[in-house]
Amino acid sequence: MSNLSNKTEYKALSILGSMVKMYERLHCLNMTKDDDMDATAAKNLLQGIIETNGYQVNYDRNNKKSILKTIKR
């Protein structure tokens, strides 16, 4: 599935960001309660991986990047 490393590379996080955004397209489709719960759990896990690495999912349609570096204040 992947090569294990000490750090997750940007490209992998970018792909995960695209996947998280795809989950948003499910909101208008009919799903069973159990399937919806499982899909939501999967989306949250992927989003957690992105956030743990210092990025956030980019939902801006005018920006082609699927993730953005989190700004630390």
PDB file of N, CA and C in Angstrom:
ATOM      1  N   MET A   1       0.817  -1.180   0.000  1.00  0.00           N
ATOM      2  CA  MET A   1       0.000   0.000   0.000  1.00  0.00           C
ATOM      3  C   MET A   1       0.869   1.254   0.000  1.00  0.00           C
ATOM      4  N   SER A   2       1.877   1.307   0.838  1.00  0.00           N
ATOM      5  CA  SER A   2       2.745   2.485   0.879  1.00  0.00           C
ATOM      6  C   SER A   2       4.114   2.086   1.396  1.00  0.00           C
ATOM      7  N   ASN A   3       5.068   2.986   1.237  1.00  0.00           N
ATOM      8  CA  ASN A   3       6.395   2.817   1.811  1.00  0.00           C
ATOM      9  C   ASN A   3       6.394   3.501   3.170  1.00  0.00           C
ATOM     10  N   LEU A   4       6.809   2.787   4.187  1.00  0.00           N
ATOM     11  CA  LEU A   4       6.814   3.362   5.531  1.00  0.00           C
ATOM     12  C   LEU A   4       7.963   4.345   5.678  1.00  0.00           C
ATOM     13  N   SER A   5       7.697   5.448   6.374  1.00  0.00           N
ATOM     14  CA  SER A   5       8.657   6.531   6.508  1.00  0.00           C
ATOM     15  C   SER A   5       8.461   7.205   7.856  1.00  0.00           C
ATOM     16  N   ASN A   6       9.399   8.040   8.227  1.00  0.00           N
ATOM     17  CA  ASN A   6       9.265   8.814   9.455  1.00  0.00           C
ATOM     18  C   ASN A   6       8.320  10.003   9.290  1.00  0.00           C
ATOM     19  N   LYS A   7       8.095  10.408   8.043  1.00  0.00           N
ATOM     20  CA  LYS A   7       7.232  11.550   7.761  1.00  0.00           C
ATOM     21  C   LYS A   7       6.372  11.241   6.538  1.00  0.00           C
ATOM     22  N   THR A   8       5.107  11.626   6.608  1.00  0.00           N
ATOM     23  CA  THR A   8       4.208  11.436   5.469  1.00  0.00           C
ATOM     24  C   THR A   8       4.457  12.548   4.460  1.00  0.00           C
ATOM     25  N   GLU A   9       4.698  12.179   3.210  1.00  0.00           N
ATOM     26  CA  GLU A   9       5.024  13.186   2.210  1.00  0.00           C
ATOM     27  C   GLU A   9       3.791  13.977   1.769  1.00  0.00           C
ATOM     28  N   TYR A  10       4.039  15.168   1.284  1.00  0.00           N
ATOM     29  CA  TYR A  10       2.985  16.095   0.888  1.00  0.00           C
ATOM     30  C   TYR A  10       2.034  15.464  -0.126  1.00  0.00           C
ATOM     31  N   LYS A  11       2.556  14.746  -1.102  1.00  0.00           N
ATOM     32  CA  LYS A  11       1.721  14.151  -2.154  1.00  0.00           C
ATOM     33  C   LYS A  11       0.700  13.187  -1.556  1.00  0.00           C
ATOM     34  N   ALA A  12       1.099  12.400  -0.579  1.00  0.00           N
ATOM     35  CA  ALA A  12       0.168  11.470   0.071  1.00  0.00           C
ATOM     36  C   ALA A  12      -0.925  12.249   0.804  1.00  0.00           C
ATOM     37  N   LEU A  13      -0.538  13.313   1.492  1.00  0.00           N
ATOM     38  CA  LEU A  13      -1.520  14.133   2.199  1.00  0.00           C
ATOM     39  C   LEU A  13      -2.459  14.818   1.214  1.00  0.00           C
ATOM     40  N   SER A  14      -1.940  15.228   0.077  1.00  0.00           N
ATOM     41  CA  SER A  14      -2.748  15.867  -0.951  1.00  0.00           C
ATOM     42  C   SER A  14      -3.810  14.901  -1.498  1.00  0.00           C
ATOM     43  N   ILE A  15      -3.416  13.665  -1.712  1.00  0.00           N
ATOM     44  CA  ILE A  15      -4.361  12.638  -2.180  1.00  0.00           C
ATOM     45  C   ILE A  15      -5.428  12.395  -1.121  1.00  0.00           C
ATOM     46  N   LEU A  16      -5.025  12.315   0.136  1.00  0.00           N
ATOM     47  CA  LEU A  16      -5.993  12.135   1.220  1.00  0.00           C
ATOM     48  C   LEU A  16      -6.953  13.323   1.287  1.00  0.00           C
ATOM     49  N   GLY A  17      -6.450  14.532   1.037  1.00  0.00           N
ATOM     50  CA  GLY A  17      -7.305  15.714   1.018  1.00  0.00           C
ATOM     51  C   GLY A  17      -8.360  15.626  -0.075  1.00  0.00           C
ATOM     52  N   SER A  18      -7.951  15.144  -1.237  1.00  0.00           N
ATOM     53  CA  SER A  18      -8.908  14.955  -2.332  1.00  0.00           C
ATOM     54  C   SER A  18      -9.976  13.934  -1.955  1.00  0.00           C
ATOM     55  N   MET A  19      -9.559  12.897  -1.260  1.00  0.00           N
ATOM     56  CA  MET A  19     -10.508  11.870  -0.833  1.00  0.00           C
ATOM     57  C   MET A  19     -11.514  12.432   0.169  1.00  0.00           C
ATOM     58  N   VAL A  20     -11.051  13.243   1.100  1.00  0.00           N
ATOM     59  CA  VAL A  20     -11.953  13.845   2.085  1.00  0.00           C
ATOM     60  C   VAL A  20     -12.993  14.702   1.371  1.00  0.00           C
ATOM     61  N   LYS A  21     -12.552  15.461   0.384  1.00  0.00           N
ATOM     62  CA  LYS A  21     -13.483  16.304  -0.356  1.00  0.00           C
ATOM     63  C   LYS A  21     -14.510  15.468  -1.120  1.00  0.00           C
ATOM     64  N   MET A  22     -14.128  14.298  -1.564  1.00  0.00           N
ATOM     65  CA  MET A  22     -15.071  13.412  -2.262  1.00  0.00           C
ATOM     66  C   MET A  22     -16.176  12.942  -1.313  1.00  0.00           C
ATOM     67  N   TYR A  23     -15.849  12.741  -0.061  1.00  0.00           N
ATOM     68  CA  TYR A  23     -16.856  12.317   0.912  1.00  0.00           C
ATOM     69  C   TYR A  23     -17.966  13.356   1.047  1.00  0.00           C
ATOM     70  N   GLU A  24     -17.650  14.628   0.840  1.00  0.00           N
ATOM     71  CA  GLU A  24     -18.654  15.691   0.944  1.00  0.00           C
ATOM     72  C   GLU A  24     -19.755  15.515  -0.095  1.00  0.00           C
ATOM     73  N   ARG A  25     -19.462  14.844  -1.178  1.00  0.00           N
ATOM     74  CA  ARG A  25     -20.448  14.645  -2.232  1.00  0.00           C
ATOM     75  C   ARG A  25     -21.515  13.624  -1.850  1.00  0.00           C
ATOM     76  N   LEU A  26     -21.321  12.930  -0.747  1.00  0.00           N
ATOM     77  CA  LEU A  26     -22.287  11.923  -0.302  1.00  0.00           C
ATOM     78  C   LEU A  26     -23.494  12.527   0.407  1.00  0.00           C
ATOM     79  N   HIS A  27     -23.401  13.778   0.838  1.00  0.00           N
ATOM     80  CA  HIS A  27     -24.449  14.359   1.684  1.00  0.00           C
ATOM     81  C   HIS A  27     -25.822  14.402   1.012  1.00  0.00           C
ATOM     82  N   CYS A  28     -25.885  14.443  -0.306  1.00  0.00           N
ATOM     83  CA  CYS A  28     -27.177  14.530  -0.992  1.00  0.00           C
ATOM     84  C   CYS A  28     -27.649  13.178  -1.535  1.00  0.00           C
ATOM     85  N   LEU A  29     -26.949  12.117  -1.189  1.00  0.00           N
ATOM     86  CA  LEU A  29     -27.308  10.779  -1.664  1.00  0.00           C
ATOM     87  C   LEU A  29     -27.922   9.962  -0.532  1.00  0.00           C
ATOM     88  N   ASN A  30     -28.795   9.030  -0.888  1.00  0.00           N
ATOM     89  CA  ASN A  30     -29.426   8.164   0.109  1.00  0.00           C
ATOM     90  C   ASN A  30     -28.463   7.078   0.555  1.00  0.00           C
ATOM     91  N   MET A  31     -28.321   6.946   1.868  1.00  0.00           N
ATOM     92  CA  MET A  31     -27.468   5.917   2.459  1.00  0.00           C
ATOM     93  C   MET A  31     -28.152   5.400   3.713  1.00  0.00           C
ATOM     94  N   THR A  32     -27.855   4.159   4.066  1.00  0.00           N
ATOM     95  CA  THR A  32     -28.373   3.642   5.327  1.00  0.00           C
ATOM     96  C   THR A  32     -27.656   4.344   6.474  1.00  0.00           C
ATOM     97  N   LYS A  33     -28.253   4.261   7.649  1.00  0.00           N
ATOM     98  CA  LYS A  33     -27.651   4.887   8.830  1.00  0.00           C
ATOM     99  C   LYS A  33     -26.261   4.316   9.093  1.00  0.00           C
ATOM    100  N   ASP A  34     -26.149   2.991   9.014  1.00  0.00           N
ATOM    101  CA  ASP A  34     -24.860   2.338   9.273  1.00  0.00           C
ATOM    102  C   ASP A  34     -23.806   2.737   8.246  1.00  0.00           C
ATOM    103  N   ASP A  35     -24.198   2.782   6.968  1.00  0.00           N
ATOM    104  CA  ASP A  35     -23.245   3.179   5.927  1.00  0.00           C
ATOM    105  C   ASP A  35     -22.809   4.629   6.105  1.00  0.00           C
ATOM    106  N   ASP A  36     -23.757   5.494   6.479  1.00  0.00           N
ATOM    107  CA  ASP A  36     -23.426   6.895   6.708  1.00  0.00           C
ATOM    108  C   ASP A  36     -22.460   7.035   7.877  1.00  0.00           C
ATOM    109  N   MET A  37     -22.692   6.279   8.935  1.00  0.00           N
ATOM    110  CA  MET A  37     -21.789   6.329  10.098  1.00  0.00           C
ATOM    111  C   MET A  37     -20.391   5.861   9.722  1.00  0.00           C
ATOM    112  N   ASP A  38     -20.298   4.785   8.948  1.00  0.00           N
ATOM    113  CA  ASP A  38     -18.993   4.269   8.523  1.00  0.00           C
ATOM    114  C   ASP A  38     -18.271   5.260   7.601  1.00  0.00           C
ATOM    115  N   ALA A  39     -19.011   5.861   6.673  1.00  0.00           N
ATOM    116  CA  ALA A  39     -18.405   6.833   5.757  1.00  0.00           C
ATOM    117  C   ALA A  39     -17.922   8.061   6.526  1.00  0.00           C
ATOM    118  N   THR A  40     -18.699   8.507   7.493  1.00  0.00           N
ATOM    119  CA  THR A  40     -18.302   9.654   8.308  1.00  0.00           C
ATOM    120  C   THR A  40     -17.062   9.329   9.132  1.00  0.00           C
ATOM    121  N   ALA A  41     -17.007   8.126   9.677  1.00  0.00           N
ATOM    122  CA  ALA A  41     -15.837   7.709  10.460  1.00  0.00           C
ATOM    123  C   ALA A  41     -14.586   7.670   9.573  1.00  0.00           C
ATOM    124  N   ALA A  42     -14.718   7.143   8.362  1.00  0.00           N
ATOM    125  CA  ALA A  42     -13.583   7.085   7.436  1.00  0.00           C
ATOM    126  C   ALA A  42     -13.111   8.490   7.071  1.00  0.00           C
ATOM    127  N   LYS A  43     -14.048   9.384   6.787  1.00  0.00           N
ATOM    128  CA  LYS A  43     -13.708  10.774   6.458  1.00  0.00           C
ATOM    129  C   LYS A  43     -12.971  11.433   7.623  1.00  0.00           C
ATOM    130  N   ASN A  44     -13.460  11.214   8.831  1.00  0.00           N
ATOM    131  CA  ASN A  44     -12.825  11.812  10.008  1.00  0.00           C
ATOM    132  C   ASN A  44     -11.415  11.266  10.229  1.00  0.00           C
ATOM    133  N   LEU A  45     -11.209   9.982   9.981  1.00  0.00           N
ATOM    134  CA  LEU A  45      -9.867   9.398  10.112  1.00  0.00           C
ATOM    135  C   LEU A  45      -8.899  10.019   9.109  1.00  0.00           C
ATOM    136  N   LEU A  46      -9.336  10.152   7.864  1.00  0.00           N
ATOM    137  CA  LEU A  46      -8.480  10.753   6.837  1.00  0.00           C
ATOM    138  C   LEU A  46      -8.172  12.208   7.172  1.00  0.00           C
ATOM    139  N   GLN A  47      -9.180  12.933   7.619  1.00  0.00           N
ATOM    140  CA  GLN A  47      -8.982  14.338   7.986  1.00  0.00           C
ATOM    141  C   GLN A  47      -8.023  14.443   9.170  1.00  0.00           C
ATOM    142  N   GLY A  48      -8.094  13.504  10.095  1.00  0.00           N
ATOM    143  CA  GLY A  48      -7.185  13.483  11.234  1.00  0.00           C
ATOM    144  C   GLY A  48      -5.738  13.298  10.820  1.00  0.00           C
ATOM    145  N   ILE A  49      -5.500  12.446   9.825  1.00  0.00           N
ATOM    146  CA  ILE A  49      -4.139  12.239   9.311  1.00  0.00           C
ATOM    147  C   ILE A  49      -3.592  13.546   8.748  1.00  0.00           C
ATOM    148  N   ILE A  50      -4.425  14.241   7.993  1.00  0.00           N
ATOM    149  CA  ILE A  50      -4.012  15.509   7.384  1.00  0.00           C
ATOM    150  C   ILE A  50      -3.689  16.530   8.463  1.00  0.00           C
ATOM    151  N   GLU A  51      -4.570  16.664   9.450  1.00  0.00           N
ATOM    152  CA  GLU A  51      -4.389  17.663  10.501  1.00  0.00           C
ATOM    153  C   GLU A  51      -3.203  17.350  11.402  1.00  0.00           C
ATOM    154  N   THR A  52      -2.960  16.072  11.654  1.00  0.00           N
ATOM    155  CA  THR A  52      -1.817  15.664  12.468  1.00  0.00           C
ATOM    156  C   THR A  52      -0.494  16.069  11.822  1.00  0.00           C
ATOM    157  N   ASN A  53      -0.490  16.156  10.506  1.00  0.00           N
ATOM    158  CA  ASN A  53       0.714  16.530   9.765  1.00  0.00           C
ATOM    159  C   ASN A  53       0.811  18.029   9.508  1.00  0.00           C
ATOM    160  N   GLY A  54      -0.061  18.816  10.141  1.00  0.00           N
ATOM    161  CA  GLY A  54       0.044  20.267  10.052  1.00  0.00           C
ATOM    162  C   GLY A  54      -0.651  20.914   8.866  1.00  0.00           C
ATOM    163  N   TYR A  55      -1.614  20.228   8.291  1.00  0.00           N
ATOM    164  CA  TYR A  55      -2.352  20.772   7.149  1.00  0.00           C
ATOM    165  C   TYR A  55      -3.848  20.740   7.454  1.00  0.00           C
ATOM    166  N   GLN A  56      -4.617  21.395   6.588  1.00  0.00           N
ATOM    167  CA  GLN A  56      -6.065  21.332   6.680  1.00  0.00           C
ATOM    168  C   GLN A  56      -6.623  21.144   5.277  1.00  0.00           C
ATOM    169  N   VAL A  57      -7.805  20.567   5.189  1.00  0.00           N
ATOM    170  CA  VAL A  57      -8.438  20.360   3.890  1.00  0.00           C
ATOM    171  C   VAL A  57      -8.878  21.713   3.340  1.00  0.00           C
ATOM    172  N   ASN A  58      -8.629  21.938   2.073  1.00  0.00           N
ATOM    173  CA  ASN A  58      -8.993  23.180   1.402  1.00  0.00           C
ATOM    174  C   ASN A  58     -10.299  22.963   0.641  1.00  0.00           C
ATOM    175  N   TYR A  59     -11.364  23.628   1.065  1.00  0.00           N
ATOM    176  CA  TYR A  59     -12.666  23.500   0.408  1.00  0.00           C
ATOM    177  C   TYR A  59     -12.924  24.638  -0.582  1.00  0.00           C
ATOM    178  N   ASP A  60     -11.962  25.538  -0.768  1.00  0.00           N
ATOM    179  CA  ASP A  60     -12.113  26.661  -1.696  1.00  0.00           C
ATOM    180  C   ASP A  60     -12.029  26.143  -3.132  1.00  0.00           C
ATOM    181  N   ARG A  61     -13.103  26.290  -3.871  1.00  0.00           N
ATOM    182  CA  ARG A  61     -13.141  25.792  -5.254  1.00  0.00           C
ATOM    183  C   ARG A  61     -12.253  26.604  -6.193  1.00  0.00           C
ATOM    184  N   ASN A  62     -11.866  27.804  -5.789  1.00  0.00           N
ATOM    185  CA  ASN A  62     -11.008  28.641  -6.625  1.00  0.00           C
ATOM    186  C   ASN A  62      -9.529  28.302  -6.463  1.00  0.00           C
ATOM    187  N   ASN A  63      -9.212  27.451  -5.502  1.00  0.00           N
ATOM    188  CA  ASN A  63      -7.836  27.051  -5.231  1.00  0.00           C
ATOM    189  C   ASN A  63      -7.717  25.564  -5.537  1.00  0.00           C
ATOM    190  N   LYS A  64      -6.804  25.182  -6.416  1.00  0.00           N
ATOM    191  CA  LYS A  64      -6.691  23.788  -6.852  1.00  0.00           C
ATOM    192  C   LYS A  64      -6.021  22.873  -5.832  1.00  0.00           C
ATOM    193  N   LYS A  65      -5.353  23.436  -4.826  1.00  0.00           N
ATOM    194  CA  LYS A  65      -4.690  22.611  -3.824  1.00  0.00           C
ATOM    195  C   LYS A  65      -5.737  21.962  -2.924  1.00  0.00           C
ATOM    196  N   SER A  66      -5.579  20.672  -2.655  1.00  0.00           N
ATOM    197  CA  SER A  66      -6.562  19.973  -1.812  1.00  0.00           C
ATOM    198  C   SER A  66      -6.310  20.184  -0.324  1.00  0.00           C
ATOM    199  N   ILE A  67      -5.074  20.575   0.016  1.00  0.00           N
ATOM    200  CA  ILE A  67      -4.745  20.850   1.423  1.00  0.00           C
ATOM    201  C   ILE A  67      -3.945  22.140   1.521  1.00  0.00           C
ATOM    202  N   LEU A  68      -4.022  22.759   2.679  1.00  0.00           N
ATOM    203  CA  LEU A  68      -3.278  23.981   2.954  1.00  0.00           C
ATOM    204  C   LEU A  68      -2.522  23.824   4.265  1.00  0.00           C
ATOM    205  N   LYS A  69      -1.343  24.405   4.342  1.00  0.00           N
ATOM    206  CA  LYS A  69      -0.555  24.387   5.562  1.00  0.00           C
ATOM    207  C   LYS A  69      -1.313  25.151   6.641  1.00  0.00           C
ATOM    208  N   THR A  70      -1.408  24.563   7.824  1.00  0.00           N
ATOM    209  CA  THR A  70      -2.072  25.207   8.940  1.00  0.00           C
ATOM    210  C   THR A  70      -1.196  26.338   9.463  1.00  0.00           C
ATOM    211  N   ILE A  71      -1.806  27.488   9.651  1.00  0.00           N
ATOM    212  CA  ILE A  71      -1.074  28.650  10.160  1.00  0.00           C
ATOM    213  C   ILE A  71      -1.057  28.577  11.677  1.00  0.00           C
ATOM    214  N   LYS A  72       0.125  28.552  12.252  1.00  0.00           N
ATOM    215  CA  LYS A  72       0.262  28.523  13.708  1.00  0.00           C
ATOM    216  C   LYS A  72       0.319  29.939  14.230  1.00  0.00           C
ATOM    217  N   ARG A  73      -0.474  30.200  15.265  1.00  0.00           N
ATOM    218  CA  ARG A  73      -0.512  31.555  15.841  1.00  0.00           C
ATOM    219  C   ARG A  73       0.127  31.575  17.191  1.00  0.00           C
TER     220      ARG A  73
END
